[in-house]
Amino acid sequence: MKNLILTFFVLSLYTQISAHTINYYPGGPLEIIKIGHPTLSMVAQEIPLEEIKTESIQKLITDMIDTMKKAGGVGLAAPQVNVSKRLFVMKPNVLKKAEAVINPVVDYHEEAGTKLSTEGCLSIPGKKFKVNRYNKINVAYYNQRGEYVTELAEGFRAVVFQHEFDHLNGILIADFFMEEFFSSEDVPRM
């Protein structure tokens, strides 16, 4: 019964917004597409290393950071602004600057377990979902300067990283089996 209700809910989301798939945040330079837009279900393409420092990619990163901030998010993936590239920006810590993550690779620490994370998504405005996320992940990626970075991500940083990484693989939080669906404005949006 729970699966039937969930299926009905997801289908109703798709039909409700199929005619209006763009959300523009005043002052933000980019438009954020919504659930139902075909770009959100595509696997994004890698960015060639020689393109990272180009003016067009650097401008995209700057515009994505500005859009994320204007929208009140802590993360934003390029597919969410209708650009099918393996790039996302995030700011999971209020004390640190926003950063770009390009061509990420994730290795999940299954032995560290998972936790139920309550998440929102800028492409599914006003809705929150509970999703299982790994507590620890190893990540490797290129930053905005084209430098190769590896790290162990934990806590909220790991949650944001996994959420945005899913976007690069054409996965939305609504695609997961959800234990609960609800609306709440006090949950970070990514």
N, C-alpha and C. Protein backbone atom coordinates (compact mmCIF):
# COMPACT_ATOMS: atom_id res chain seq x y z
N MET A 1 0.82 -1.19 0.00
CA MET A 1 0.00 0.00 0.00
C MET A 1 0.87 1.26 0.00
N LYS A 2 1.94 1.23 0.82
CA LYS A 2 2.84 2.38 0.90
C LYS A 2 3.47 2.67 -0.46
N ASN A 3 3.87 1.60 -1.18
CA ASN A 3 4.47 1.79 -2.51
C ASN A 3 3.46 2.36 -3.49
N LEU A 4 2.20 1.94 -3.38
CA LEU A 4 1.17 2.46 -4.27
C LEU A 4 0.94 3.95 -4.02
N ILE A 5 0.89 4.34 -2.76
CA ILE A 5 0.72 5.75 -2.41
C ILE A 5 1.91 6.56 -2.91
N LEU A 6 3.12 6.03 -2.72
CA LEU A 6 4.33 6.70 -3.18
C LEU A 6 4.32 6.88 -4.69
N THR A 7 3.96 5.83 -5.41
CA THR A 7 3.91 5.90 -6.88
C THR A 7 2.90 6.96 -7.32
N PHE A 8 1.72 6.97 -6.70
CA PHE A 8 0.72 7.97 -7.04
C PHE A 8 1.24 9.38 -6.79
N PHE A 9 1.91 9.58 -5.66
CA PHE A 9 2.44 10.90 -5.32
C PHE A 9 3.46 11.36 -6.35
N VAL A 10 4.42 10.52 -6.70
CA VAL A 10 5.46 10.90 -7.66
C VAL A 10 4.83 11.20 -9.02
N LEU A 11 3.89 10.37 -9.46
CA LEU A 11 3.22 10.63 -10.73
C LEU A 11 2.46 11.95 -10.70
N SER A 12 1.82 12.26 -9.57
CA SER A 12 1.09 13.52 -9.49
C SER A 12 2.04 14.71 -9.53
N LEU A 13 3.24 14.57 -8.94
CA LEU A 13 4.24 15.63 -9.01
C LEU A 13 4.61 15.90 -10.46
N TYR A 14 4.87 14.82 -11.23
CA TYR A 14 5.27 14.98 -12.61
C TYR A 14 4.18 15.65 -13.44
N THR A 15 2.92 15.26 -13.24
CA THR A 15 1.86 15.85 -14.05
C THR A 15 1.54 17.28 -13.63
N GLN A 16 1.68 17.61 -12.37
CA GLN A 16 1.39 18.96 -11.91
C GLN A 16 2.35 19.99 -12.49
N ILE A 17 3.58 19.62 -12.70
CA ILE A 17 4.55 20.63 -13.12
C ILE A 17 5.07 20.43 -14.54
N SER A 18 4.50 19.48 -15.26
CA SER A 18 5.05 19.22 -16.58
C SER A 18 4.97 20.43 -17.50
N ALA A 19 3.98 21.29 -17.32
CA ALA A 19 3.87 22.48 -18.16
C ALA A 19 4.75 23.62 -17.68
N HIS A 20 5.17 23.60 -16.44
CA HIS A 20 5.98 24.67 -15.88
C HIS A 20 7.23 24.06 -15.25
N THR A 21 8.28 23.95 -16.01
CA THR A 21 9.45 23.24 -15.51
C THR A 21 10.62 24.15 -15.19
N ILE A 22 10.38 25.44 -15.08
CA ILE A 22 11.48 26.35 -14.76
C ILE A 22 11.09 27.20 -13.56
N ASN A 23 12.02 27.39 -12.66
CA ASN A 23 11.81 28.23 -11.49
C ASN A 23 12.92 29.27 -11.49
N TYR A 24 12.54 30.53 -11.54
CA TYR A 24 13.52 31.59 -11.58
C TYR A 24 13.53 32.31 -10.25
N TYR A 25 14.70 32.46 -9.67
CA TYR A 25 14.84 33.16 -8.41
C TYR A 25 15.30 34.58 -8.70
N PRO A 26 14.53 35.59 -8.29
CA PRO A 26 14.89 36.97 -8.59
C PRO A 26 16.32 37.29 -8.17
N GLY A 27 17.05 37.87 -9.08
CA GLY A 27 18.43 38.23 -8.79
C GLY A 27 19.43 37.14 -9.13
N GLY A 28 18.95 35.94 -9.35
CA GLY A 28 19.84 34.83 -9.72
C GLY A 28 20.07 34.83 -11.22
N PRO A 29 21.29 34.60 -11.65
CA PRO A 29 21.59 34.68 -13.08
C PRO A 29 21.09 33.49 -13.90
N LEU A 30 20.77 32.36 -13.25
CA LEU A 30 20.35 31.16 -13.98
C LEU A 30 18.96 30.72 -13.54
N GLU A 31 18.28 30.01 -14.41
CA GLU A 31 16.98 29.43 -14.09
C GLU A 31 17.17 27.99 -13.63
N ILE A 32 16.46 27.60 -12.59
CA ILE A 32 16.53 26.23 -12.07
C ILE A 32 15.35 25.46 -12.62
N ILE A 33 15.63 24.35 -13.30
CA ILE A 33 14.56 23.53 -13.86
C ILE A 33 13.98 22.62 -12.77
N LYS A 34 12.73 22.22 -12.97
CA LYS A 34 12.02 21.44 -11.97
C LYS A 34 11.85 19.99 -12.42
N ILE A 35 11.46 19.18 -11.44
CA ILE A 35 11.17 17.77 -11.68
C ILE A 35 10.25 17.64 -12.89
N GLY A 36 10.53 16.67 -13.73
CA GLY A 36 9.79 16.47 -14.96
C GLY A 36 10.54 16.95 -16.18
N HIS A 37 11.52 17.83 -15.98
CA HIS A 37 12.33 18.30 -17.11
C HIS A 37 13.29 17.18 -17.52
N PRO A 38 13.42 16.89 -18.81
CA PRO A 38 14.24 15.74 -19.24
C PRO A 38 15.72 15.81 -18.86
N THR A 39 16.29 17.00 -18.75
CA THR A 39 17.72 17.11 -18.40
C THR A 39 18.00 16.51 -17.03
N LEU A 40 17.03 16.59 -16.12
CA LEU A 40 17.25 16.08 -14.76
C LEU A 40 17.37 14.57 -14.70
N SER A 41 16.92 13.87 -15.73
CA SER A 41 17.01 12.40 -15.72
C SER A 41 18.14 11.87 -16.59
N MET A 42 18.96 12.76 -17.11
CA MET A 42 20.10 12.36 -17.95
C MET A 42 21.37 12.21 -17.12
N VAL A 43 22.26 11.31 -17.55
CA VAL A 43 23.59 11.22 -16.95
C VAL A 43 24.42 12.33 -17.59
N ALA A 44 24.98 13.20 -16.75
CA ALA A 44 25.74 14.36 -17.24
C ALA A 44 27.08 13.94 -17.84
N GLN A 45 27.58 14.75 -18.74
CA GLN A 45 28.84 14.49 -19.44
C GLN A 45 30.03 15.07 -18.68
N GLU A 46 31.15 14.35 -18.70
CA GLU A 46 32.37 14.86 -18.07
C GLU A 46 32.85 16.13 -18.76
N ILE A 47 33.50 16.96 -18.00
CA ILE A 47 34.10 18.18 -18.53
C ILE A 47 35.57 17.87 -18.82
N PRO A 48 36.01 18.02 -20.06
CA PRO A 48 37.43 17.79 -20.36
C PRO A 48 38.31 18.71 -19.50
N LEU A 49 39.40 18.17 -18.99
CA LEU A 49 40.26 18.93 -18.07
C LEU A 49 40.72 20.26 -18.65
N GLU A 50 40.97 20.30 -19.95
CA GLU A 50 41.44 21.55 -20.55
C GLU A 50 40.35 22.62 -20.60
N GLU A 51 39.09 22.23 -20.36
CA GLU A 51 37.99 23.20 -20.37
C GLU A 51 37.72 23.82 -19.00
N ILE A 52 38.25 23.23 -17.93
CA ILE A 52 37.93 23.71 -16.58
C ILE A 52 38.25 25.18 -16.40
N LYS A 53 39.37 25.62 -16.90
CA LYS A 53 39.79 27.01 -16.69
C LYS A 53 39.29 27.97 -17.76
N THR A 54 38.47 27.47 -18.69
CA THR A 54 37.96 28.35 -19.74
C THR A 54 36.98 29.37 -19.15
N GLU A 55 36.82 30.46 -19.85
CA GLU A 55 35.93 31.52 -19.40
C GLU A 55 34.49 31.01 -19.26
N SER A 56 34.06 30.15 -20.18
CA SER A 56 32.67 29.69 -20.13
C SER A 56 32.40 28.81 -18.90
N ILE A 57 33.32 27.92 -18.54
CA ILE A 57 33.12 27.07 -17.35
C ILE A 57 33.26 27.91 -16.08
N GLN A 58 34.21 28.81 -16.05
CA GLN A 58 34.38 29.67 -14.87
C GLN A 58 33.15 30.55 -14.65
N LYS A 59 32.57 31.07 -15.74
CA LYS A 59 31.34 31.87 -15.62
C LYS A 59 30.18 31.01 -15.16
N LEU A 60 30.09 29.79 -15.68
CA LEU A 60 29.03 28.88 -15.25
C LEU A 60 29.13 28.63 -13.75
N ILE A 61 30.34 28.40 -13.25
CA ILE A 61 30.54 28.16 -11.82
C ILE A 61 30.09 29.39 -11.00
N THR A 62 30.55 30.57 -11.41
CA THR A 62 30.18 31.80 -10.70
C THR A 62 28.67 32.01 -10.71
N ASP A 63 28.04 31.80 -11.88
CA ASP A 63 26.60 31.97 -11.99
C ASP A 63 25.85 30.93 -11.17
N MET A 64 26.36 29.71 -11.12
CA MET A 64 25.71 28.66 -10.32
C MET A 64 25.79 28.99 -8.82
N ILE A 65 26.94 29.49 -8.37
CA ILE A 65 27.08 29.87 -6.96
C ILE A 65 26.11 31.00 -6.63
N ASP A 66 26.03 32.01 -7.49
CA ASP A 66 25.10 33.11 -7.26
C ASP A 66 23.65 32.62 -7.23
N THR A 67 23.31 31.75 -8.16
CA THR A 67 21.95 31.22 -8.23
C THR A 67 21.62 30.39 -7.00
N MET A 68 22.57 29.55 -6.57
CA MET A 68 22.38 28.73 -5.38
C MET A 68 22.11 29.61 -4.16
N LYS A 69 22.90 30.65 -4.01
CA LYS A 69 22.73 31.56 -2.87
C LYS A 69 21.39 32.27 -2.92
N LYS A 70 21.02 32.80 -4.09
CA LYS A 70 19.75 33.51 -4.24
C LYS A 70 18.56 32.60 -3.96
N ALA A 71 18.71 31.32 -4.32
CA ALA A 71 17.63 30.36 -4.12
C ALA A 71 17.60 29.82 -2.69
N GLY A 72 18.61 30.16 -1.90
CA GLY A 72 18.66 29.68 -0.52
C GLY A 72 19.10 28.24 -0.39
N GLY A 73 19.86 27.74 -1.36
CA GLY A 73 20.32 26.36 -1.34
C GLY A 73 21.71 26.21 -0.76
N VAL A 74 22.08 24.96 -0.49
CA VAL A 74 23.44 24.63 -0.04
C VAL A 74 24.19 23.84 -1.11
N GLY A 75 23.52 23.54 -2.21
CA GLY A 75 24.14 22.83 -3.31
C GLY A 75 23.32 23.04 -4.57
N LEU A 76 23.98 22.97 -5.72
CA LEU A 76 23.30 23.12 -7.00
C LEU A 76 24.14 22.41 -8.06
N ALA A 77 23.52 21.49 -8.77
CA ALA A 77 24.21 20.75 -9.83
C ALA A 77 23.92 21.37 -11.19
N ALA A 78 24.88 21.27 -12.10
CA ALA A 78 24.71 21.85 -13.43
C ALA A 78 23.44 21.34 -14.13
N PRO A 79 23.08 20.06 -14.02
CA PRO A 79 21.82 19.64 -14.66
C PRO A 79 20.60 20.41 -14.14
N GLN A 80 20.64 20.93 -12.93
CA GLN A 80 19.52 21.68 -12.39
C GLN A 80 19.35 23.04 -13.06
N VAL A 81 20.39 23.50 -13.76
CA VAL A 81 20.29 24.74 -14.53
C VAL A 81 20.33 24.43 -16.02
N ASN A 82 19.92 23.19 -16.34
CA ASN A 82 19.78 22.71 -17.71
C ASN A 82 21.10 22.63 -18.47
N VAL A 83 22.18 22.31 -17.75
CA VAL A 83 23.50 22.11 -18.35
C VAL A 83 23.94 20.70 -17.98
N SER A 84 24.00 19.81 -18.94
CA SER A 84 24.32 18.41 -18.66
C SER A 84 25.83 18.19 -18.59
N LYS A 85 26.44 18.74 -17.54
CA LYS A 85 27.88 18.62 -17.28
C LYS A 85 28.08 18.09 -15.87
N ARG A 86 29.18 17.35 -15.66
CA ARG A 86 29.49 16.77 -14.35
C ARG A 86 30.15 17.84 -13.47
N LEU A 87 29.31 18.72 -12.97
CA LEU A 87 29.75 19.86 -12.18
C LEU A 87 28.66 20.20 -11.18
N PHE A 88 29.06 20.45 -9.94
CA PHE A 88 28.12 21.03 -8.99
C PHE A 88 28.87 21.98 -8.08
N VAL A 89 28.10 22.86 -7.46
CA VAL A 89 28.64 23.80 -6.48
C VAL A 89 27.96 23.49 -5.16
N MET A 90 28.66 23.79 -4.06
CA MET A 90 28.06 23.54 -2.76
C MET A 90 28.68 24.45 -1.70
N LYS A 91 27.89 24.65 -0.66
CA LYS A 91 28.33 25.45 0.48
C LYS A 91 27.69 24.85 1.73
N PRO A 92 28.18 23.67 2.15
CA PRO A 92 27.57 22.99 3.29
C PRO A 92 27.97 23.57 4.65
N ASN A 93 28.93 24.48 4.66
CA ASN A 93 29.42 25.06 5.91
C ASN A 93 29.34 26.57 5.79
N VAL A 94 28.62 27.21 6.72
CA VAL A 94 28.44 28.66 6.64
C VAL A 94 29.74 29.42 6.84
N LEU A 95 30.73 28.78 7.42
CA LEU A 95 32.01 29.46 7.68
C LEU A 95 32.99 29.37 6.51
N LYS A 96 32.66 28.57 5.49
CA LYS A 96 33.56 28.41 4.35
C LYS A 96 32.92 28.94 3.08
N LYS A 97 33.76 29.25 2.09
CA LYS A 97 33.28 29.74 0.81
C LYS A 97 32.63 28.61 0.02
N ALA A 98 31.75 28.99 -0.88
CA ALA A 98 31.16 28.01 -1.80
C ALA A 98 32.28 27.45 -2.68
N GLU A 99 32.12 26.22 -3.09
CA GLU A 99 33.15 25.57 -3.90
C GLU A 99 32.54 24.80 -5.06
N ALA A 100 33.36 24.58 -6.08
CA ALA A 100 32.93 23.82 -7.25
C ALA A 100 33.54 22.43 -7.19
N VAL A 101 32.77 21.45 -7.64
CA VAL A 101 33.21 20.06 -7.72
C VAL A 101 32.99 19.61 -9.16
N ILE A 102 34.07 19.20 -9.83
CA ILE A 102 34.02 18.86 -11.24
C ILE A 102 34.46 17.42 -11.45
N ASN A 103 33.70 16.68 -12.24
CA ASN A 103 33.97 15.28 -12.56
C ASN A 103 34.22 14.42 -11.32
N PRO A 104 33.32 14.47 -10.34
CA PRO A 104 33.56 13.72 -9.10
C PRO A 104 33.43 12.21 -9.26
N VAL A 105 34.17 11.52 -8.40
CA VAL A 105 34.08 10.06 -8.26
C VAL A 105 33.84 9.81 -6.78
N VAL A 106 32.92 8.92 -6.47
CA VAL A 106 32.56 8.65 -5.08
C VAL A 106 32.76 7.18 -4.77
N ASP A 107 33.36 6.93 -3.61
CA ASP A 107 33.50 5.57 -3.08
C ASP A 107 32.80 5.55 -1.72
N TYR A 108 31.74 4.78 -1.61
CA TYR A 108 30.92 4.76 -0.40
C TYR A 108 31.53 3.82 0.65
N HIS A 109 31.56 4.28 1.90
CA HIS A 109 32.05 3.48 3.02
C HIS A 109 30.86 2.72 3.61
N GLU A 110 30.55 1.57 3.04
CA GLU A 110 29.40 0.80 3.52
C GLU A 110 29.56 0.39 4.97
N GLU A 111 30.79 0.10 5.39
CA GLU A 111 31.02 -0.35 6.76
C GLU A 111 30.75 0.75 7.79
N ALA A 112 30.73 2.00 7.38
CA ALA A 112 30.44 3.11 8.29
C ALA A 112 28.93 3.32 8.47
N GLY A 113 28.14 2.60 7.70
CA GLY A 113 26.70 2.67 7.84
C GLY A 113 26.06 3.84 7.13
N THR A 114 24.75 3.93 7.30
CA THR A 114 23.97 4.99 6.68
C THR A 114 23.14 5.69 7.75
N LYS A 115 22.58 6.81 7.35
CA LYS A 115 21.66 7.52 8.23
C LYS A 115 20.52 8.06 7.38
N LEU A 116 19.39 8.27 8.02
CA LEU A 116 18.24 8.83 7.33
C LEU A 116 18.42 10.35 7.30
N SER A 117 18.46 10.90 6.12
CA SER A 117 18.68 12.33 5.92
C SER A 117 17.40 12.97 5.41
N THR A 118 17.00 14.08 6.01
CA THR A 118 15.86 14.84 5.53
C THR A 118 16.38 15.90 4.58
N GLU A 119 15.92 15.85 3.34
CA GLU A 119 16.48 16.71 2.30
C GLU A 119 15.40 17.39 1.48
N GLY A 120 15.73 18.58 1.03
CA GLY A 120 14.93 19.29 0.05
C GLY A 120 15.73 19.38 -1.23
N CYS A 121 15.10 19.85 -2.29
CA CYS A 121 15.79 19.97 -3.57
C CYS A 121 15.26 21.21 -4.28
N LEU A 122 16.17 22.01 -4.81
CA LEU A 122 15.77 23.22 -5.53
C LEU A 122 14.95 22.90 -6.77
N SER A 123 15.05 21.68 -7.28
CA SER A 123 14.26 21.27 -8.45
C SER A 123 12.91 20.66 -8.06
N ILE A 124 12.66 20.52 -6.77
CA ILE A 124 11.36 20.06 -6.27
C ILE A 124 10.95 21.02 -5.17
N PRO A 125 10.61 22.26 -5.52
CA PRO A 125 10.37 23.30 -4.52
C PRO A 125 9.25 22.96 -3.54
N GLY A 126 9.50 23.29 -2.27
CA GLY A 126 8.50 23.13 -1.24
C GLY A 126 8.30 21.73 -0.71
N LYS A 127 9.05 20.75 -1.19
CA LYS A 127 8.88 19.36 -0.76
C LYS A 127 10.15 18.87 -0.09
N LYS A 128 9.99 18.01 0.89
CA LYS A 128 11.12 17.42 1.62
C LYS A 128 10.96 15.91 1.64
N PHE A 129 12.08 15.21 1.61
CA PHE A 129 12.07 13.76 1.57
C PHE A 129 13.08 13.19 2.56
N LYS A 130 12.84 11.97 3.01
CA LYS A 130 13.81 11.26 3.85
C LYS A 130 14.51 10.24 2.96
N VAL A 131 15.84 10.32 2.95
CA VAL A 131 16.67 9.48 2.08
C VAL A 131 17.80 8.89 2.91
N ASN A 132 18.13 7.62 2.68
CA ASN A 132 19.29 7.03 3.34
C ASN A 132 20.57 7.49 2.65
N ARG A 133 21.52 7.98 3.44
CA ARG A 133 22.82 8.43 2.93
C ARG A 133 23.93 7.76 3.72
N TYR A 134 25.04 7.53 3.05
CA TYR A 134 26.21 6.96 3.73
C TYR A 134 26.81 7.99 4.67
N ASN A 135 27.28 7.53 5.82
CA ASN A 135 27.89 8.42 6.81
C ASN A 135 29.25 8.95 6.35
N LYS A 136 29.99 8.11 5.60
CA LYS A 136 31.32 8.50 5.14
C LYS A 136 31.47 8.10 3.67
N ILE A 137 32.14 8.97 2.92
CA ILE A 137 32.44 8.66 1.53
C ILE A 137 33.83 9.20 1.19
N ASN A 138 34.54 8.47 0.35
CA ASN A 138 35.78 9.00 -0.24
C ASN A 138 35.40 9.66 -1.54
N VAL A 139 35.89 10.86 -1.76
CA VAL A 139 35.58 11.58 -2.99
C VAL A 139 36.87 12.03 -3.67
N ALA A 140 36.82 12.07 -4.98
CA ALA A 140 37.92 12.59 -5.79
C ALA A 140 37.28 13.45 -6.87
N TYR A 141 37.85 14.62 -7.11
CA TYR A 141 37.27 15.55 -8.07
C TYR A 141 38.30 16.62 -8.42
N TYR A 142 37.94 17.47 -9.37
CA TYR A 142 38.74 18.65 -9.71
C TYR A 142 38.01 19.87 -9.16
N ASN A 143 38.77 20.80 -8.61
CA ASN A 143 38.15 22.02 -8.10
C ASN A 143 38.11 23.08 -9.21
N GLN A 144 37.67 24.27 -8.87
CA GLN A 144 37.51 25.35 -9.84
C GLN A 144 38.83 25.76 -10.49
N ARG A 145 39.94 25.55 -9.80
CA ARG A 145 41.27 25.89 -10.34
C ARG A 145 41.87 24.75 -11.16
N GLY A 146 41.14 23.65 -11.29
CA GLY A 146 41.63 22.51 -12.06
C GLY A 146 42.54 21.60 -11.26
N GLU A 147 42.59 21.78 -9.94
CA GLU A 147 43.43 20.95 -9.07
C GLU A 147 42.67 19.68 -8.69
N TYR A 148 43.40 18.56 -8.67
CA TYR A 148 42.81 17.28 -8.30
C TYR A 148 42.75 17.19 -6.78
N VAL A 149 41.58 16.87 -6.25
CA VAL A 149 41.35 16.83 -4.81
C VAL A 149 40.82 15.45 -4.41
N THR A 150 41.32 14.91 -3.32
CA THR A 150 40.74 13.71 -2.72
C THR A 150 40.49 14.00 -1.25
N GLU A 151 39.41 13.44 -0.73
CA GLU A 151 39.10 13.67 0.68
C GLU A 151 38.14 12.61 1.19
N LEU A 152 38.07 12.52 2.50
CA LEU A 152 37.05 11.73 3.17
C LEU A 152 35.98 12.72 3.62
N ALA A 153 34.78 12.58 3.09
CA ALA A 153 33.69 13.47 3.47
C ALA A 153 32.80 12.77 4.48
N GLU A 154 32.42 13.51 5.52
CA GLU A 154 31.57 12.99 6.58
C GLU A 154 30.50 14.01 6.90
N GLY A 155 29.49 13.59 7.67
CA GLY A 155 28.48 14.50 8.16
C GLY A 155 27.69 15.16 7.05
N PHE A 156 27.31 16.41 7.28
CA PHE A 156 26.47 17.14 6.33
C PHE A 156 27.17 17.32 4.99
N ARG A 157 28.50 17.48 5.00
CA ARG A 157 29.24 17.60 3.75
C ARG A 157 29.03 16.35 2.88
N ALA A 158 29.07 15.18 3.50
CA ALA A 158 28.86 13.93 2.77
C ALA A 158 27.44 13.84 2.21
N VAL A 159 26.47 14.33 2.98
CA VAL A 159 25.07 14.32 2.54
C VAL A 159 24.91 15.20 1.30
N VAL A 160 25.42 16.43 1.38
CA VAL A 160 25.30 17.35 0.24
C VAL A 160 26.02 16.78 -0.98
N PHE A 161 27.20 16.23 -0.77
CA PHE A 161 27.97 15.65 -1.86
C PHE A 161 27.18 14.54 -2.55
N GLN A 162 26.58 13.64 -1.76
CA GLN A 162 25.81 12.53 -2.34
C GLN A 162 24.58 13.03 -3.09
N HIS A 163 23.89 14.02 -2.54
CA HIS A 163 22.71 14.58 -3.18
C HIS A 163 23.06 15.16 -4.55
N GLU A 164 24.11 15.98 -4.58
CA GLU A 164 24.50 16.62 -5.85
C GLU A 164 25.08 15.60 -6.83
N PHE A 165 25.83 14.62 -6.32
CA PHE A 165 26.38 13.57 -7.18
C PHE A 165 25.24 12.79 -7.85
N ASP A 166 24.16 12.55 -7.10
CA ASP A 166 23.00 11.88 -7.70
C ASP A 166 22.46 12.68 -8.88
N HIS A 167 22.40 14.00 -8.75
CA HIS A 167 21.93 14.83 -9.87
C HIS A 167 22.76 14.59 -11.13
N LEU A 168 24.06 14.42 -10.97
CA LEU A 168 24.93 14.21 -12.13
C LEU A 168 24.66 12.87 -12.80
N ASN A 169 24.03 11.97 -12.07
CA ASN A 169 23.70 10.65 -12.60
C ASN A 169 22.23 10.52 -12.96
N GLY A 170 21.53 11.65 -13.03
CA GLY A 170 20.14 11.65 -13.44
C GLY A 170 19.17 11.16 -12.38
N ILE A 171 19.57 11.29 -11.11
CA ILE A 171 18.75 10.79 -10.00
C ILE A 171 18.28 11.95 -9.15
N LEU A 172 16.99 11.98 -8.86
CA LEU A 172 16.41 12.96 -7.94
C LEU A 172 16.02 12.26 -6.64
N ILE A 173 15.91 13.01 -5.55
CA ILE A 173 15.52 12.38 -4.29
C ILE A 173 14.14 11.75 -4.38
N ALA A 174 13.29 12.23 -5.27
CA ALA A 174 11.97 11.63 -5.46
C ALA A 174 12.07 10.24 -6.10
N ASP A 175 13.23 9.91 -6.68
CA ASP A 175 13.42 8.60 -7.30
C ASP A 175 13.69 7.50 -6.28
N PHE A 176 14.07 7.88 -5.06
CA PHE A 176 14.35 6.91 -4.01
C PHE A 176 13.05 6.48 -3.34
N PHE A 177 13.08 5.30 -2.73
CA PHE A 177 11.96 4.92 -1.88
C PHE A 177 12.03 5.82 -0.67
N MET A 178 10.97 6.52 -0.37
CA MET A 178 10.99 7.47 0.73
C MET A 178 10.16 6.93 1.88
N GLU A 179 10.68 7.05 3.08
CA GLU A 179 9.93 6.63 4.25
C GLU A 179 8.83 7.62 4.56
N GLU A 180 9.06 8.87 4.20
CA GLU A 180 8.09 9.91 4.55
C GLU A 180 8.23 11.05 3.57
N PHE A 181 7.15 11.70 3.29
CA PHE A 181 7.14 12.89 2.47
C PHE A 181 6.45 14.00 3.26
N PHE A 182 7.01 15.17 3.26
CA PHE A 182 6.40 16.27 3.99
C PHE A 182 6.94 17.59 3.50
N SER A 183 6.30 18.67 3.89
CA SER A 183 6.76 20.01 3.57
C SER A 183 7.30 20.66 4.82
N SER A 184 8.43 21.34 4.69
CA SER A 184 9.00 22.05 5.81
C SER A 184 10.05 23.01 5.28
N GLU A 185 10.03 24.22 5.73
CA GLU A 185 10.98 25.21 5.24
C GLU A 185 12.29 25.21 5.99
N ASP A 186 12.38 24.46 7.10
CA ASP A 186 13.60 24.50 7.89
C ASP A 186 14.59 23.39 7.53
N VAL A 187 14.45 22.80 6.36
CA VAL A 187 15.36 21.76 5.90
C VAL A 187 16.18 22.32 4.75
N PRO A 188 17.52 22.12 4.75
CA PRO A 188 18.36 22.66 3.67
C PRO A 188 17.94 22.14 2.30
N ARG A 189 17.99 23.02 1.32
CA ARG A 189 17.65 22.65 -0.05
C ARG A 189 18.91 22.57 -0.88
N MET A 190 18.98 21.58 -1.75
CA MET A 190 20.20 21.34 -2.53
C MET A 190 19.89 21.28 -4.00
